[in-house]
Amino acid sequence: MRRREFISLLGGALTAWPFAAQAQQRERMRRIGVLIGFAESDPAPQSWLGAFRGTLAKLDWTEGSNLRIEVRLGWG
C-alpha cells in the first residue's frame, strides 16, 4: 500500500512541477526607442528625457527591471 501512495504522490508532484516553474519566470523586459533630432550637447533633450523617465516611473515602469529605453540623438 505504501508503494501506491508513493507513486501517486510522485505523479502529483510531476504534474504540478511545470506550473511551479512557470510561476518563477521574470517579467518581460519592454523596450522603448526614442529618436530625438537635437545635438547631444543641447540641454533640451536631456530635460525632456528626465521628465519622460519620471513619468514612466510613476506608472511603475522602472528602467532596468521591466523597461529598457534606447535613446538616439541626431544632428551633431
C-alpha atoms as a PDB file:
ATOM      1  CA  MET A   1       0.000   0.000   0.000  1.00  0.00           C
ATOM      2  CA  ARG A   2       2.849   2.399   0.724  1.00  0.00           C
ATOM      3  CA  ARG A   3       4.225   1.888  -2.752  1.00  0.00           C
ATOM      4  CA  ARG A   4       0.960   3.026  -4.368  1.00  0.00           C
ATOM      5  CA  GLU A   5       0.820   6.086  -2.145  1.00  0.00           C
ATOM      6  CA  PHE A   6       4.400   6.990  -3.055  1.00  0.00           C
ATOM      7  CA  ILE A   7       3.751   6.577  -6.792  1.00  0.00           C
ATOM      8  CA  SER A   8       0.592   8.697  -6.655  1.00  0.00           C
ATOM      9  CA  LEU A   9       2.416  11.362  -4.640  1.00  0.00           C
ATOM     10  CA  LEU A  10       5.279  11.363  -7.130  1.00  0.00           C
ATOM     11  CA  GLY A  11       2.865  11.570 -10.065  1.00  0.00           C
ATOM     12  CA  GLY A  12       1.057  14.508  -8.490  1.00  0.00           C
ATOM     13  CA  ALA A  13       4.334  16.334  -7.897  1.00  0.00           C
ATOM     14  CA  LEU A  14       5.414  15.813 -11.511  1.00  0.00           C
ATOM     15  CA  THR A  15       2.166  17.221 -12.889  1.00  0.00           C
ATOM     16  CA  ALA A  16       2.397  20.299 -10.635  1.00  0.00           C
ATOM     17  CA  TRP A  17       6.081  20.943 -11.419  1.00  0.00           C
ATOM     18  CA  PRO A  18       5.602  22.817 -14.758  1.00  0.00           C
ATOM     19  CA  PHE A  19       3.182  25.224 -13.077  1.00  0.00           C
ATOM     20  CA  ALA A  20       5.662  25.976 -10.305  1.00  0.00           C
ATOM     21  CA  ALA A  21       8.452  26.554 -12.834  1.00  0.00           C
ATOM     22  CA  GLN A  22       6.246  28.859 -14.864  1.00  0.00           C
ATOM     23  CA  ALA A  23       5.398  30.966 -11.813  1.00  0.00           C
ATOM     24  CA  GLN A  24       9.071  31.770 -11.275  1.00  0.00           C
ATOM     25  CA  GLN A  25       9.584  33.441 -14.653  1.00  0.00           C
ATOM     26  CA  ARG A  26      10.639  37.064 -14.609  1.00  0.00           C
ATOM     27  CA  GLU A  27       8.541  39.844 -16.028  1.00  0.00           C
ATOM     28  CA  ARG A  28       9.139  40.550 -19.683  1.00  0.00           C
ATOM     29  CA  MET A  29      11.551  43.390 -20.446  1.00  0.00           C
ATOM     30  CA  ARG A  30       9.878  46.071 -22.588  1.00  0.00           C
ATOM     31  CA  ARG A  31      11.941  48.263 -24.887  1.00  0.00           C
ATOM     32  CA  ILE A  32      11.254  51.871 -25.874  1.00  0.00           C
ATOM     33  CA  GLY A  33      13.202  53.569 -28.640  1.00  0.00           C
ATOM     34  CA  VAL A  34      13.464  57.368 -28.555  1.00  0.00           C
ATOM     35  CA  LEU A  35      14.710  59.342 -31.560  1.00  0.00           C
ATOM     36  CA  ILE A  36      15.497  62.992 -30.856  1.00  0.00           C
ATOM     37  CA  GLY A  37      16.557  65.483 -33.511  1.00  0.00           C
ATOM     38  CA  PHE A  38      18.878  67.538 -31.311  1.00  0.00           C
ATOM     39  CA  ALA A  39      22.609  67.605 -30.792  1.00  0.00           C
ATOM     40  CA  GLU A  40      23.956  65.664 -27.845  1.00  0.00           C
ATOM     41  CA  SER A  41      25.297  68.846 -26.249  1.00  0.00           C
ATOM     42  CA  ASP A  42      21.862  70.533 -26.293  1.00  0.00           C
ATOM     43  CA  PRO A  43      20.221  70.566 -22.787  1.00  0.00           C
ATOM     44  CA  ALA A  44      16.630  70.410 -24.144  1.00  0.00           C
ATOM     45  CA  PRO A  45      16.555  66.659 -24.872  1.00  0.00           C
ATOM     46  CA  GLN A  46      18.143  65.859 -21.503  1.00  0.00           C
ATOM     47  CA  SER A  47      15.370  67.681 -19.610  1.00  0.00           C
ATOM     48  CA  TRP A  48      12.716  66.062 -21.809  1.00  0.00           C
ATOM     49  CA  LEU A  49      14.175  62.591 -21.190  1.00  0.00           C
ATOM     50  CA  GLY A  50      14.279  63.252 -17.457  1.00  0.00           C
ATOM     51  CA  ALA A  51      10.585  64.154 -17.441  1.00  0.00           C
ATOM     52  CA  PHE A  52       9.780  61.127 -19.625  1.00  0.00           C
ATOM     53  CA  ARG A  53      11.614  58.746 -17.302  1.00  0.00           C
ATOM     54  CA  GLY A  54       9.969  60.352 -14.250  1.00  0.00           C
ATOM     55  CA  THR A  55       6.500  59.873 -15.708  1.00  0.00           C
ATOM     56  CA  LEU A  56       7.227  56.247 -16.558  1.00  0.00           C
ATOM     57  CA  ALA A  57       8.493  55.676 -13.001  1.00  0.00           C
ATOM     58  CA  LYS A  58       5.192  56.986 -11.612  1.00  0.00           C
ATOM     59  CA  LEU A  59       3.460  54.326 -13.717  1.00  0.00           C
ATOM     60  CA  ASP A  60       5.697  51.581 -12.193  1.00  0.00           C
ATOM     61  CA  TRP A  61       7.873  51.236 -15.292  1.00  0.00           C
ATOM     62  CA  THR A  62      11.376  51.179 -13.868  1.00  0.00           C
ATOM     63  CA  GLU A  63      14.345  51.235 -16.174  1.00  0.00           C
ATOM     64  CA  GLY A  64      16.485  48.162 -15.690  1.00  0.00           C
ATOM     65  CA  SER A  65      13.839  45.909 -14.145  1.00  0.00           C
ATOM     66  CA  ASN A  66      10.907  45.878 -16.581  1.00  0.00           C
ATOM     67  CA  LEU A  67      11.863  48.607 -19.068  1.00  0.00           C
ATOM     68  CA  ARG A  68      14.780  49.482 -21.319  1.00  0.00           C
ATOM     69  CA  ILE A  69      15.000  52.889 -23.014  1.00  0.00           C
ATOM     70  CA  GLU A  70      17.265  53.291 -26.025  1.00  0.00           C
ATOM     71  CA  VAL A  71      17.953  56.899 -26.972  1.00  0.00           C
ATOM     72  CA  ARG A  72      19.385  58.046 -30.296  1.00  0.00           C
ATOM     73  CA  LEU A  73      20.244  61.696 -30.879  1.00  0.00           C
ATOM     74  CA  GLY A  74      20.628  63.207 -34.332  1.00  0.00           C
ATOM     75  CA  TRP A  75      22.204  66.312 -35.841  1.00  0.00           C
ATOM     76  CA  GLY A  76      25.608  66.542 -34.304  1.00  0.00           C
END
